[in-house]
């Protein structure tokens, strides 16, 4: 498990549903080490702080393994790391492998898995596909967010190390079932309610 690409983006304007907006979704790979702060990577920006960024969404992670699948499904062979708006493009770790509350070390920074990514309509405009956010939810290829428990430095090639696994064992894949309104969720809700670091929004909205 390691980081293949570290991606940041500055604010820029784009058209979304006929309106001009500012967004930080245009992420591009950077070389060398970058500082990981409590609210995210140095040099990275979000326009809508109500929906993006903040303590519980400091770092967005997306598995590189999905890129070839999306290239074919979206008929976009030129997709490159960062195009899904992620900060870290990884290899060797998927939604079924990682649980809410798991603690990770990447580079010299330490982080906590907080929630699945729920892509918004800005990603539709970014990739020029009006249903891509819905398709990501349906596919289960959501990616996930991290909060920062210890600031540090990170770079391409850094390994992802588990510091501890949350004892409740609610994987990102499992919690996606709740977000997507699955009828059969077993004891996922019961286990998720016991996770101390679960973001308040998720607890109030889904549990």
N, C-alpha and C. Protein backbone atom coordinates (compact mmCIF):
# COMPACT_ATOMS: atom_id res chain seq x y z
N UNK A 1 0.85 -1.19 0.00
CA UNK A 1 0.00 0.00 0.00
C UNK A 1 0.88 1.24 0.00
N UNK A 2 0.69 2.07 -0.99
CA UNK A 2 1.49 3.29 -1.02
C UNK A 2 0.83 4.37 -1.86
N UNK A 3 1.40 5.55 -1.79
CA UNK A 3 0.91 6.71 -2.54
C UNK A 3 1.62 6.76 -3.89
N UNK A 4 0.84 6.82 -4.95
CA UNK A 4 1.42 6.96 -6.30
C UNK A 4 1.50 8.41 -6.74
N UNK A 5 0.57 9.23 -6.25
CA UNK A 5 0.55 10.62 -6.68
C UNK A 5 -0.03 11.50 -5.58
N UNK A 6 0.63 12.63 -5.31
CA UNK A 6 0.12 13.65 -4.40
C UNK A 6 -0.39 14.80 -5.25
N UNK A 7 -1.65 15.20 -5.05
CA UNK A 7 -2.29 16.16 -5.94
C UNK A 7 -2.88 17.33 -5.17
N UNK A 8 -2.67 18.54 -5.66
CA UNK A 8 -3.25 19.73 -5.04
C UNK A 8 -3.85 20.60 -6.14
N UNK A 9 -4.72 21.51 -5.73
CA UNK A 9 -5.34 22.40 -6.70
C UNK A 9 -5.63 23.76 -6.11
N UNK A 10 -5.43 24.80 -6.91
CA UNK A 10 -5.79 26.16 -6.51
C UNK A 10 -7.20 26.45 -7.02
N UNK A 11 -7.80 27.52 -6.56
CA UNK A 11 -9.15 27.87 -6.99
C UNK A 11 -9.13 28.38 -8.43
N UNK A 12 -10.13 27.94 -9.19
CA UNK A 12 -10.28 28.44 -10.55
C UNK A 12 -11.76 28.45 -10.90
N UNK A 13 -12.10 29.18 -11.94
CA UNK A 13 -13.50 29.30 -12.35
C UNK A 13 -13.85 28.23 -13.38
N UNK A 14 -15.12 27.81 -13.34
CA UNK A 14 -15.61 26.86 -14.33
C UNK A 14 -17.12 27.06 -14.47
N UNK A 15 -17.69 26.52 -15.54
CA UNK A 15 -19.12 26.56 -15.76
C UNK A 15 -19.76 25.29 -15.21
N UNK A 16 -20.80 25.45 -14.40
CA UNK A 16 -21.54 24.31 -13.88
C UNK A 16 -23.02 24.62 -13.99
N UNK A 17 -23.72 23.81 -14.79
CA UNK A 17 -25.16 24.01 -15.01
C UNK A 17 -25.46 25.43 -15.46
N UNK A 18 -24.61 25.95 -16.33
CA UNK A 18 -24.83 27.28 -16.90
C UNK A 18 -24.42 28.43 -16.02
N UNK A 19 -23.86 28.13 -14.85
CA UNK A 19 -23.42 29.19 -13.95
C UNK A 19 -21.91 29.13 -13.75
N UNK A 20 -21.31 30.28 -13.54
CA UNK A 20 -19.87 30.34 -13.29
C UNK A 20 -19.63 30.19 -11.79
N UNK A 21 -18.77 29.25 -11.43
CA UNK A 21 -18.46 29.01 -10.02
C UNK A 21 -16.95 28.95 -9.84
N UNK A 22 -16.52 29.04 -8.58
CA UNK A 22 -15.12 28.79 -8.24
C UNK A 22 -15.01 27.41 -7.61
N UNK A 23 -13.95 26.71 -7.93
CA UNK A 23 -13.78 25.35 -7.42
C UNK A 23 -12.31 25.01 -7.27
N UNK A 24 -12.03 24.08 -6.38
CA UNK A 24 -10.66 23.56 -6.22
C UNK A 24 -10.54 22.14 -6.71
N UNK A 25 -11.50 21.68 -7.53
CA UNK A 25 -11.53 20.28 -7.93
C UNK A 25 -10.45 19.92 -8.95
N UNK A 26 -9.86 20.92 -9.57
CA UNK A 26 -8.82 20.64 -10.57
C UNK A 26 -7.48 20.39 -9.87
N UNK A 27 -7.25 19.13 -9.52
CA UNK A 27 -6.01 18.76 -8.82
C UNK A 27 -4.96 18.31 -9.82
N UNK A 28 -3.70 18.64 -9.52
CA UNK A 28 -2.60 18.23 -10.38
C UNK A 28 -1.47 17.65 -9.52
N UNK A 29 -0.81 16.61 -10.03
CA UNK A 29 0.30 16.00 -9.28
C UNK A 29 1.42 16.98 -9.04
N UNK A 30 2.06 16.85 -7.87
CA UNK A 30 3.21 17.68 -7.56
C UNK A 30 4.38 16.77 -7.23
N UNK A 31 5.56 17.28 -7.42
CA UNK A 31 6.78 16.54 -7.12
C UNK A 31 7.35 17.00 -5.77
N UNK A 32 8.08 16.12 -5.14
CA UNK A 32 8.71 16.48 -3.87
C UNK A 32 7.75 16.37 -2.71
N UNK A 33 8.24 16.72 -1.54
CA UNK A 33 7.45 16.61 -0.32
C UNK A 33 6.52 17.80 -0.15
N UNK A 34 5.37 17.54 0.45
CA UNK A 34 4.41 18.61 0.75
C UNK A 34 3.98 18.46 2.21
N UNK A 35 3.70 19.58 2.83
CA UNK A 35 3.32 19.56 4.24
C UNK A 35 1.86 19.16 4.40
N UNK A 36 1.62 18.28 5.35
CA UNK A 36 0.26 17.87 5.70
C UNK A 36 -0.13 18.63 6.96
N UNK A 37 -1.14 19.48 6.84
CA UNK A 37 -1.62 20.25 7.98
C UNK A 37 -2.98 19.72 8.42
N UNK A 38 -3.48 20.24 9.51
CA UNK A 38 -4.74 19.73 10.07
C UNK A 38 -5.89 19.85 9.08
N UNK A 39 -5.87 20.88 8.25
CA UNK A 39 -6.96 21.09 7.31
C UNK A 39 -6.60 20.68 5.89
N UNK A 40 -5.50 19.96 5.71
CA UNK A 40 -5.19 19.45 4.38
C UNK A 40 -3.77 19.71 3.94
N UNK A 41 -3.52 19.50 2.67
CA UNK A 41 -2.19 19.65 2.10
C UNK A 41 -1.86 21.11 1.85
N UNK A 42 -0.63 21.46 2.10
CA UNK A 42 -0.16 22.81 1.79
C UNK A 42 -0.35 23.07 0.29
N UNK A 43 -0.99 24.20 -0.03
CA UNK A 43 -1.19 24.57 -1.43
C UNK A 43 -2.48 24.06 -2.04
N UNK A 44 -3.27 23.32 -1.26
CA UNK A 44 -4.55 22.82 -1.77
C UNK A 44 -5.69 23.71 -1.27
N UNK A 45 -6.72 23.90 -2.11
CA UNK A 45 -7.81 24.81 -1.76
C UNK A 45 -9.16 24.20 -2.08
N UNK A 46 -10.17 24.63 -1.32
CA UNK A 46 -11.56 24.28 -1.58
C UNK A 46 -12.38 25.56 -1.61
N UNK A 47 -13.34 25.63 -2.53
CA UNK A 47 -14.17 26.82 -2.64
C UNK A 47 -15.37 26.78 -1.70
N UNK A 48 -16.01 25.62 -1.61
CA UNK A 48 -17.19 25.47 -0.78
C UNK A 48 -16.82 24.74 0.51
N UNK A 49 -16.53 25.49 1.55
CA UNK A 49 -16.05 24.87 2.79
C UNK A 49 -17.15 24.19 3.59
N UNK A 50 -18.41 24.37 3.18
CA UNK A 50 -19.50 23.66 3.84
C UNK A 50 -19.56 22.20 3.40
N UNK A 51 -19.14 21.94 2.16
CA UNK A 51 -19.22 20.59 1.61
C UNK A 51 -17.86 19.92 1.48
N UNK A 52 -16.81 20.71 1.39
CA UNK A 52 -15.48 20.15 1.13
C UNK A 52 -14.48 20.66 2.17
N UNK A 53 -13.45 19.87 2.39
CA UNK A 53 -12.41 20.27 3.32
C UNK A 53 -12.89 20.21 4.76
N UNK A 54 -12.17 20.89 5.63
CA UNK A 54 -12.49 20.84 7.04
C UNK A 54 -11.75 19.69 7.73
N UNK A 55 -11.94 19.58 9.02
CA UNK A 55 -11.21 18.59 9.81
C UNK A 55 -11.48 17.17 9.34
N UNK A 56 -12.74 16.85 9.05
CA UNK A 56 -13.09 15.47 8.72
C UNK A 56 -12.88 15.12 7.25
N UNK A 57 -12.61 16.12 6.44
CA UNK A 57 -12.36 15.89 5.01
C UNK A 57 -11.06 16.56 4.59
N UNK A 58 -10.05 16.44 5.43
CA UNK A 58 -8.79 17.13 5.17
C UNK A 58 -8.08 16.58 3.94
N UNK A 59 -8.11 15.25 3.78
CA UNK A 59 -7.40 14.59 2.68
C UNK A 59 -8.36 13.64 1.97
N UNK A 60 -8.45 13.77 0.66
CA UNK A 60 -9.28 12.87 -0.15
C UNK A 60 -8.39 11.83 -0.83
N UNK A 61 -8.77 10.56 -0.70
CA UNK A 61 -7.98 9.45 -1.23
C UNK A 61 -8.78 8.71 -2.29
N UNK A 62 -8.11 8.34 -3.40
CA UNK A 62 -8.79 7.56 -4.44
C UNK A 62 -7.83 6.50 -4.99
N UNK A 63 -8.28 5.24 -5.05
CA UNK A 63 -7.42 4.17 -5.55
C UNK A 63 -7.11 4.29 -7.03
N UNK A 64 -5.84 4.12 -7.38
CA UNK A 64 -5.43 4.20 -8.78
C UNK A 64 -6.01 3.08 -9.62
N UNK A 65 -6.36 1.96 -8.97
CA UNK A 65 -6.86 0.79 -9.71
C UNK A 65 -8.14 1.10 -10.47
N UNK A 66 -8.86 2.15 -10.07
CA UNK A 66 -10.13 2.46 -10.73
C UNK A 66 -9.96 3.26 -12.02
N UNK A 67 -8.78 3.82 -12.22
CA UNK A 67 -8.61 4.70 -13.38
C UNK A 67 -8.82 3.98 -14.70
N UNK A 68 -8.27 2.79 -14.85
CA UNK A 68 -8.45 2.07 -16.11
C UNK A 68 -9.92 1.72 -16.34
N UNK A 69 -10.63 1.39 -15.27
CA UNK A 69 -12.05 1.08 -15.39
C UNK A 69 -12.84 2.30 -15.87
N UNK A 70 -12.54 3.45 -15.26
CA UNK A 70 -13.25 4.66 -15.65
C UNK A 70 -12.86 5.13 -17.06
N UNK A 71 -11.61 4.94 -17.42
CA UNK A 71 -11.19 5.32 -18.78
C UNK A 71 -12.05 4.62 -19.81
N UNK A 72 -12.32 3.33 -19.56
CA UNK A 72 -13.14 2.56 -20.51
C UNK A 72 -14.61 2.92 -20.40
N UNK A 73 -15.14 3.01 -19.18
CA UNK A 73 -16.56 3.27 -19.00
C UNK A 73 -16.96 4.67 -19.47
N UNK A 74 -16.08 5.64 -19.23
CA UNK A 74 -16.39 7.02 -19.59
C UNK A 74 -15.89 7.40 -20.97
N UNK A 75 -15.16 6.46 -21.59
CA UNK A 75 -14.55 6.72 -22.90
C UNK A 75 -13.66 7.95 -22.83
N UNK A 76 -12.83 7.97 -21.77
CA UNK A 76 -11.89 9.07 -21.55
C UNK A 76 -10.50 8.48 -21.32
N UNK A 77 -9.81 8.10 -22.37
CA UNK A 77 -8.49 7.47 -22.22
C UNK A 77 -7.42 8.38 -21.66
N UNK A 78 -7.70 9.69 -21.62
CA UNK A 78 -6.69 10.65 -21.16
C UNK A 78 -6.82 10.97 -19.67
N UNK A 79 -7.68 10.27 -18.93
CA UNK A 79 -7.79 10.52 -17.50
C UNK A 79 -6.43 10.33 -16.83
N UNK A 80 -6.10 11.23 -15.92
CA UNK A 80 -4.82 11.12 -15.21
C UNK A 80 -5.03 11.37 -13.73
N UNK A 81 -4.08 10.96 -12.92
CA UNK A 81 -4.20 11.06 -11.47
C UNK A 81 -4.54 12.49 -11.04
N UNK A 82 -5.50 12.58 -10.16
CA UNK A 82 -5.99 13.88 -9.69
C UNK A 82 -7.28 14.31 -10.35
N UNK A 83 -7.66 13.66 -11.46
CA UNK A 83 -8.84 14.08 -12.21
C UNK A 83 -10.15 13.83 -11.48
N UNK A 84 -10.13 12.97 -10.47
CA UNK A 84 -11.33 12.77 -9.67
C UNK A 84 -11.34 13.67 -8.44
N UNK A 85 -10.42 14.61 -8.41
CA UNK A 85 -10.38 15.59 -7.32
C UNK A 85 -9.72 15.10 -6.06
N UNK A 86 -9.00 13.97 -6.16
CA UNK A 86 -8.37 13.40 -4.97
C UNK A 86 -7.02 14.03 -4.67
N UNK A 87 -6.66 14.05 -3.40
CA UNK A 87 -5.35 14.53 -2.98
C UNK A 87 -4.28 13.46 -3.07
N UNK A 88 -4.68 12.22 -2.75
CA UNK A 88 -3.74 11.10 -2.79
C UNK A 88 -4.30 10.01 -3.70
N UNK A 89 -3.54 9.67 -4.73
CA UNK A 89 -3.89 8.52 -5.57
C UNK A 89 -3.04 7.37 -5.08
N UNK A 90 -3.69 6.27 -4.69
CA UNK A 90 -3.00 5.19 -4.00
C UNK A 90 -3.02 3.89 -4.81
N UNK A 91 -2.25 2.93 -4.33
CA UNK A 91 -2.29 1.58 -4.90
C UNK A 91 -2.27 0.58 -3.74
N UNK A 92 -3.06 -0.48 -3.87
CA UNK A 92 -3.03 -1.55 -2.88
C UNK A 92 -3.99 -1.42 -1.73
N UNK A 93 -4.86 -0.41 -1.76
CA UNK A 93 -5.83 -0.25 -0.67
C UNK A 93 -7.17 0.18 -1.26
N UNK A 94 -8.22 -0.56 -0.92
CA UNK A 94 -9.55 -0.30 -1.46
C UNK A 94 -10.55 -0.10 -0.33
N UNK A 95 -11.77 0.25 -0.69
CA UNK A 95 -12.82 0.54 0.30
C UNK A 95 -13.12 -0.65 1.20
N UNK A 96 -12.94 -1.84 0.68
CA UNK A 96 -13.22 -3.04 1.49
C UNK A 96 -12.08 -3.35 2.46
N UNK A 97 -10.92 -2.72 2.26
CA UNK A 97 -9.74 -3.00 3.09
C UNK A 97 -9.62 -2.10 4.30
N UNK A 98 -10.37 -1.01 4.30
CA UNK A 98 -10.13 0.03 5.29
C UNK A 98 -11.42 0.40 5.99
N UNK A 99 -11.33 0.68 7.28
CA UNK A 99 -12.53 0.91 8.09
C UNK A 99 -12.55 2.31 8.69
N UNK A 100 -13.75 2.81 8.92
CA UNK A 100 -13.90 4.07 9.64
C UNK A 100 -13.20 3.97 10.99
N UNK A 101 -12.40 4.97 11.29
CA UNK A 101 -11.68 4.99 12.56
C UNK A 101 -10.30 4.36 12.51
N UNK A 102 -9.95 3.71 11.39
CA UNK A 102 -8.59 3.17 11.26
C UNK A 102 -7.59 4.31 11.30
N UNK A 103 -6.44 4.05 11.91
CA UNK A 103 -5.39 5.06 12.01
C UNK A 103 -4.22 4.66 11.11
N UNK A 104 -3.75 5.62 10.32
CA UNK A 104 -2.72 5.36 9.33
C UNK A 104 -1.53 6.29 9.53
N UNK A 105 -0.36 5.82 9.08
CA UNK A 105 0.80 6.69 8.94
C UNK A 105 1.19 6.72 7.47
N UNK A 106 1.31 7.92 6.94
CA UNK A 106 1.77 8.10 5.56
C UNK A 106 2.86 9.15 5.61
N UNK A 107 4.07 8.79 5.19
CA UNK A 107 5.20 9.69 5.39
C UNK A 107 5.40 9.89 6.87
N UNK A 108 5.51 11.13 7.30
CA UNK A 108 5.66 11.41 8.72
C UNK A 108 4.35 11.88 9.35
N UNK A 109 3.28 11.88 8.56
CA UNK A 109 1.97 12.32 9.06
C UNK A 109 1.14 11.13 9.51
N UNK A 110 0.25 11.37 10.47
CA UNK A 110 -0.68 10.35 10.93
C UNK A 110 -2.10 10.82 10.69
N UNK A 111 -2.96 9.89 10.25
CA UNK A 111 -4.30 10.26 9.82
C UNK A 111 -5.31 9.22 10.28
N UNK A 112 -6.58 9.62 10.26
CA UNK A 112 -7.68 8.75 10.67
C UNK A 112 -8.70 8.69 9.53
N UNK A 113 -9.16 7.51 9.22
CA UNK A 113 -10.19 7.32 8.19
C UNK A 113 -11.53 7.80 8.75
N UNK A 114 -12.17 8.75 8.08
CA UNK A 114 -13.38 9.36 8.63
C UNK A 114 -14.67 9.00 7.91
N UNK A 115 -14.65 8.88 6.58
CA UNK A 115 -15.89 8.68 5.85
C UNK A 115 -15.63 8.39 4.38
N UNK A 116 -16.62 7.79 3.70
CA UNK A 116 -16.51 7.63 2.25
C UNK A 116 -16.62 8.99 1.57
N UNK A 117 -16.13 9.06 0.39
CA UNK A 117 -16.35 10.26 -0.40
C UNK A 117 -17.73 10.18 -1.04
N UNK A 118 -18.47 11.29 -1.00
CA UNK A 118 -19.75 11.41 -1.68
C UNK A 118 -19.60 12.50 -2.74
N UNK A 119 -19.28 12.13 -3.97
CA UNK A 119 -18.98 13.14 -5.00
C UNK A 119 -20.18 14.03 -5.28
N UNK A 120 -19.91 15.30 -5.51
CA UNK A 120 -20.97 16.27 -5.78
C UNK A 120 -21.06 16.53 -7.28
N UNK A 121 -22.00 17.40 -7.65
CA UNK A 121 -22.25 17.65 -9.07
C UNK A 121 -21.10 18.40 -9.74
N UNK A 122 -20.21 19.00 -8.95
CA UNK A 122 -19.06 19.68 -9.56
C UNK A 122 -18.19 18.68 -10.30
N UNK A 123 -18.10 17.44 -9.81
CA UNK A 123 -17.33 16.42 -10.50
C UNK A 123 -17.95 16.09 -11.85
N UNK A 124 -19.28 16.15 -11.93
CA UNK A 124 -19.95 15.94 -13.23
C UNK A 124 -19.45 16.95 -14.26
N UNK A 125 -19.40 18.21 -13.82
CA UNK A 125 -18.95 19.26 -14.73
C UNK A 125 -17.46 19.12 -15.03
N UNK A 126 -16.69 18.75 -14.02
CA UNK A 126 -15.24 18.59 -14.21
C UNK A 126 -14.92 17.55 -15.28
N UNK A 127 -15.65 16.43 -15.27
CA UNK A 127 -15.38 15.34 -16.21
C UNK A 127 -16.33 15.36 -17.41
N UNK A 128 -17.20 16.38 -17.45
CA UNK A 128 -18.15 16.53 -18.56
C UNK A 128 -19.02 15.28 -18.73
N UNK A 129 -19.46 14.73 -17.61
CA UNK A 129 -20.37 13.58 -17.60
C UNK A 129 -21.44 13.87 -16.55
N UNK A 130 -22.67 14.10 -16.98
CA UNK A 130 -23.70 14.59 -16.06
C UNK A 130 -24.10 13.61 -14.97
N UNK A 131 -23.74 12.33 -15.12
CA UNK A 131 -24.17 11.35 -14.13
C UNK A 131 -23.01 10.68 -13.40
N UNK A 132 -21.80 11.21 -13.52
CA UNK A 132 -20.64 10.51 -12.97
C UNK A 132 -20.71 10.42 -11.44
N UNK A 133 -21.22 11.46 -10.75
CA UNK A 133 -21.30 11.38 -9.29
C UNK A 133 -22.24 10.25 -8.88
N UNK A 134 -23.35 10.09 -9.59
CA UNK A 134 -24.29 9.01 -9.29
C UNK A 134 -23.67 7.65 -9.62
N UNK A 135 -22.92 7.59 -10.70
CA UNK A 135 -22.29 6.32 -11.09
C UNK A 135 -21.21 5.89 -10.11
N UNK A 136 -20.49 6.85 -9.57
CA UNK A 136 -19.47 6.53 -8.56
C UNK A 136 -20.13 5.94 -7.32
N UNK A 137 -21.22 6.56 -6.86
CA UNK A 137 -21.92 6.03 -5.69
C UNK A 137 -22.41 4.61 -5.95
N UNK A 138 -23.02 4.39 -7.10
CA UNK A 138 -23.57 3.08 -7.43
C UNK A 138 -22.49 2.03 -7.58
N UNK A 139 -21.33 2.41 -8.08
CA UNK A 139 -20.24 1.46 -8.33
C UNK A 139 -19.54 1.02 -7.05
N UNK A 140 -19.61 1.85 -6.01
CA UNK A 140 -18.87 1.56 -4.78
C UNK A 140 -17.43 2.05 -4.82
N UNK A 141 -17.01 2.61 -5.95
CA UNK A 141 -15.64 3.12 -6.07
C UNK A 141 -15.60 4.56 -5.56
N UNK A 142 -15.85 4.72 -4.30
CA UNK A 142 -16.05 6.06 -3.75
C UNK A 142 -14.77 6.77 -3.37
N UNK A 143 -13.75 6.01 -2.97
CA UNK A 143 -12.63 6.65 -2.30
C UNK A 143 -13.05 6.99 -0.88
N UNK A 144 -12.20 7.70 -0.16
CA UNK A 144 -12.52 8.02 1.23
C UNK A 144 -11.73 9.23 1.70
N UNK A 145 -12.13 9.74 2.87
CA UNK A 145 -11.51 10.92 3.46
C UNK A 145 -10.71 10.56 4.71
N UNK A 146 -9.72 11.41 4.98
CA UNK A 146 -8.89 11.27 6.17
C UNK A 146 -8.89 12.59 6.94
N UNK A 147 -8.87 12.48 8.27
CA UNK A 147 -8.54 13.64 9.11
C UNK A 147 -7.07 13.50 9.51
N UNK A 148 -6.48 14.58 9.93
CA UNK A 148 -5.05 14.60 10.27
C UNK A 148 -4.90 14.65 11.79
N UNK A 149 -4.33 13.60 12.36
CA UNK A 149 -4.12 13.56 13.80
C UNK A 149 -2.71 14.02 14.19
N UNK A 150 -1.78 13.94 13.22
CA UNK A 150 -0.42 14.43 13.45
C UNK A 150 0.11 15.00 12.15
N UNK A 151 0.43 16.28 12.16
CA UNK A 151 0.94 16.93 10.97
C UNK A 151 2.32 16.39 10.61
N UNK A 152 2.67 16.47 9.33
CA UNK A 152 3.96 15.97 8.88
C UNK A 152 4.18 16.26 7.41
N UNK A 153 5.02 15.45 6.79
CA UNK A 153 5.34 15.61 5.39
C UNK A 153 4.96 14.33 4.62
N UNK A 154 4.60 14.52 3.35
CA UNK A 154 4.20 13.38 2.53
C UNK A 154 4.71 13.60 1.11
N UNK A 155 4.96 12.49 0.40
CA UNK A 155 5.44 12.59 -0.98
C UNK A 155 5.05 11.33 -1.76
N UNK A 156 5.18 11.42 -3.08
CA UNK A 156 4.93 10.25 -3.92
C UNK A 156 5.84 9.10 -3.49
N UNK A 157 5.27 7.90 -3.45
CA UNK A 157 6.06 6.72 -3.10
C UNK A 157 6.03 6.36 -1.64
N UNK A 158 5.47 7.25 -0.79
CA UNK A 158 5.38 6.93 0.64
C UNK A 158 4.46 5.73 0.85
N UNK A 159 4.86 4.85 1.76
CA UNK A 159 4.04 3.70 2.09
C UNK A 159 2.93 4.09 3.06
N UNK A 160 1.82 3.37 2.98
CA UNK A 160 0.68 3.56 3.88
C UNK A 160 0.73 2.46 4.92
N UNK A 161 0.85 2.85 6.17
CA UNK A 161 1.00 1.88 7.26
C UNK A 161 -0.18 2.00 8.23
N UNK A 162 -0.76 0.87 8.59
CA UNK A 162 -1.80 0.86 9.61
C UNK A 162 -1.15 1.00 10.98
N UNK A 163 -1.56 2.02 11.74
CA UNK A 163 -1.13 2.16 13.12
C UNK A 163 -2.06 1.39 14.04
N UNK A 164 -3.35 1.39 13.70
CA UNK A 164 -4.33 0.61 14.45
C UNK A 164 -5.58 0.44 13.60
N UNK A 165 -6.31 -0.64 13.88
CA UNK A 165 -7.58 -0.91 13.21
C UNK A 165 -8.72 -0.68 14.20
N UNK A 166 -9.75 0.04 13.75
CA UNK A 166 -10.89 0.27 14.63
C UNK A 166 -11.58 -1.05 14.94
N UNK A 167 -11.87 -1.29 16.21
CA UNK A 167 -12.41 -2.58 16.65
C UNK A 167 -13.83 -2.84 16.16
N UNK A 168 -14.53 -1.79 15.72
CA UNK A 168 -15.90 -1.97 15.26
C UNK A 168 -15.98 -2.51 13.82
N UNK A 169 -14.90 -2.37 13.08
CA UNK A 169 -14.78 -3.00 11.77
C UNK A 169 -15.82 -2.62 10.75
N UNK A 170 -16.16 -1.33 10.66
CA UNK A 170 -17.10 -0.87 9.64
C UNK A 170 -16.29 -0.36 8.45
N UNK A 171 -16.22 -1.16 7.41
CA UNK A 171 -15.42 -0.77 6.25
C UNK A 171 -16.10 0.36 5.48
N UNK A 172 -15.32 1.05 4.67
CA UNK A 172 -15.88 2.07 3.79
C UNK A 172 -16.93 1.45 2.88
N UNK A 173 -16.68 0.27 2.37
CA UNK A 173 -17.65 -0.41 1.51
C UNK A 173 -18.96 -0.64 2.24
N UNK A 174 -18.88 -1.04 3.50
CA UNK A 174 -20.10 -1.27 4.27
C UNK A 174 -20.87 0.03 4.50
N UNK A 175 -20.15 1.08 4.88
CA UNK A 175 -20.87 2.33 5.15
C UNK A 175 -21.46 2.92 3.87
N UNK A 176 -20.86 2.62 2.73
CA UNK A 176 -21.45 3.05 1.46
C UNK A 176 -22.84 2.47 1.27
N UNK A 177 -23.08 1.28 1.81
CA UNK A 177 -24.41 0.68 1.72
C UNK A 177 -25.44 1.54 2.42
N UNK A 178 -25.06 2.09 3.57
CA UNK A 178 -25.97 2.96 4.31
C UNK A 178 -26.22 4.24 3.53
N UNK A 179 -25.15 4.85 3.04
CA UNK A 179 -25.27 6.10 2.29
C UNK A 179 -26.15 5.91 1.06
N UNK A 180 -26.02 4.74 0.42
CA UNK A 180 -26.77 4.48 -0.81
C UNK A 180 -28.15 3.91 -0.56
N UNK A 181 -28.55 3.82 0.71
CA UNK A 181 -29.91 3.42 1.04
C UNK A 181 -30.21 1.94 0.88
N UNK A 182 -29.20 1.08 1.04
CA UNK A 182 -29.44 -0.36 0.93
C UNK A 182 -30.40 -0.82 2.01
N UNK A 183 -31.26 -1.77 1.66
CA UNK A 183 -32.24 -2.27 2.63
C UNK A 183 -31.62 -3.25 3.61
N UNK A 184 -30.69 -4.06 3.13
CA UNK A 184 -30.06 -5.06 3.98
C UNK A 184 -28.70 -4.55 4.45
N UNK A 185 -28.64 -4.07 5.69
CA UNK A 185 -27.38 -3.51 6.21
C UNK A 185 -26.90 -4.26 7.45
N UNK A 186 -27.63 -5.32 7.84
CA UNK A 186 -27.19 -6.12 8.98
C UNK A 186 -26.97 -5.28 10.22
N UNK A 187 -25.80 -5.46 10.85
CA UNK A 187 -25.50 -4.72 12.08
C UNK A 187 -24.55 -3.55 11.84
N UNK A 188 -24.47 -3.10 10.58
CA UNK A 188 -23.54 -2.01 10.25
C UNK A 188 -23.84 -0.77 11.07
N UNK A 189 -25.11 -0.40 11.18
CA UNK A 189 -25.48 0.82 11.92
C UNK A 189 -25.10 0.68 13.39
N UNK A 190 -25.37 -0.47 13.96
CA UNK A 190 -25.04 -0.69 15.37
C UNK A 190 -23.55 -0.54 15.62
N UNK A 191 -22.73 -1.11 14.72
CA UNK A 191 -21.28 -1.01 14.88
C UNK A 191 -20.79 0.41 14.64
N UNK A 192 -21.39 1.07 13.64
CA UNK A 192 -20.95 2.43 13.29
C UNK A 192 -21.23 3.41 14.42
N UNK A 193 -22.31 3.20 15.16
CA UNK A 193 -22.65 4.10 16.26
C UNK A 193 -21.61 4.09 17.37
N UNK A 194 -20.78 3.06 17.42
CA UNK A 194 -19.78 2.92 18.47
C UNK A 194 -18.44 3.57 18.10
N UNK A 195 -18.32 4.09 16.88
CA UNK A 195 -17.06 4.68 16.42
C UNK A 195 -16.93 6.09 16.99
N UNK A 196 -15.95 6.32 17.83
CA UNK A 196 -15.80 7.60 18.52
C UNK A 196 -15.57 8.75 17.54
N UNK A 197 -14.75 8.53 16.52
CA UNK A 197 -14.37 9.62 15.64
C UNK A 197 -15.27 9.82 14.45
N UNK A 198 -16.45 9.21 14.44
CA UNK A 198 -17.36 9.37 13.30
C UNK A 198 -17.80 10.82 13.18
N UNK A 199 -17.70 11.43 12.01
CA UNK A 199 -18.11 12.82 11.84
C UNK A 199 -19.56 13.04 12.28
N UNK A 200 -19.84 14.14 12.98
CA UNK A 200 -21.20 14.40 13.47
C UNK A 200 -22.25 14.39 12.36
N UNK A 201 -21.89 14.86 11.17
CA UNK A 201 -22.87 14.88 10.07
C UNK A 201 -23.31 13.48 9.71
N UNK A 202 -22.37 12.54 9.63
CA UNK A 202 -22.74 11.18 9.29
C UNK A 202 -23.61 10.57 10.38
N UNK A 203 -23.24 10.84 11.62
CA UNK A 203 -24.00 10.25 12.73
C UNK A 203 -25.45 10.76 12.71
N UNK A 204 -25.63 12.06 12.49
CA UNK A 204 -26.98 12.62 12.53
C UNK A 204 -27.78 12.29 11.27
N UNK A 205 -27.11 12.21 10.12
CA UNK A 205 -27.82 12.03 8.87
C UNK A 205 -28.17 10.57 8.60
N UNK A 206 -27.27 9.65 8.94
CA UNK A 206 -27.46 8.26 8.55
C UNK A 206 -27.72 7.30 9.71
N UNK A 207 -27.34 7.67 10.92
CA UNK A 207 -27.47 6.75 12.03
C UNK A 207 -28.56 7.14 13.01
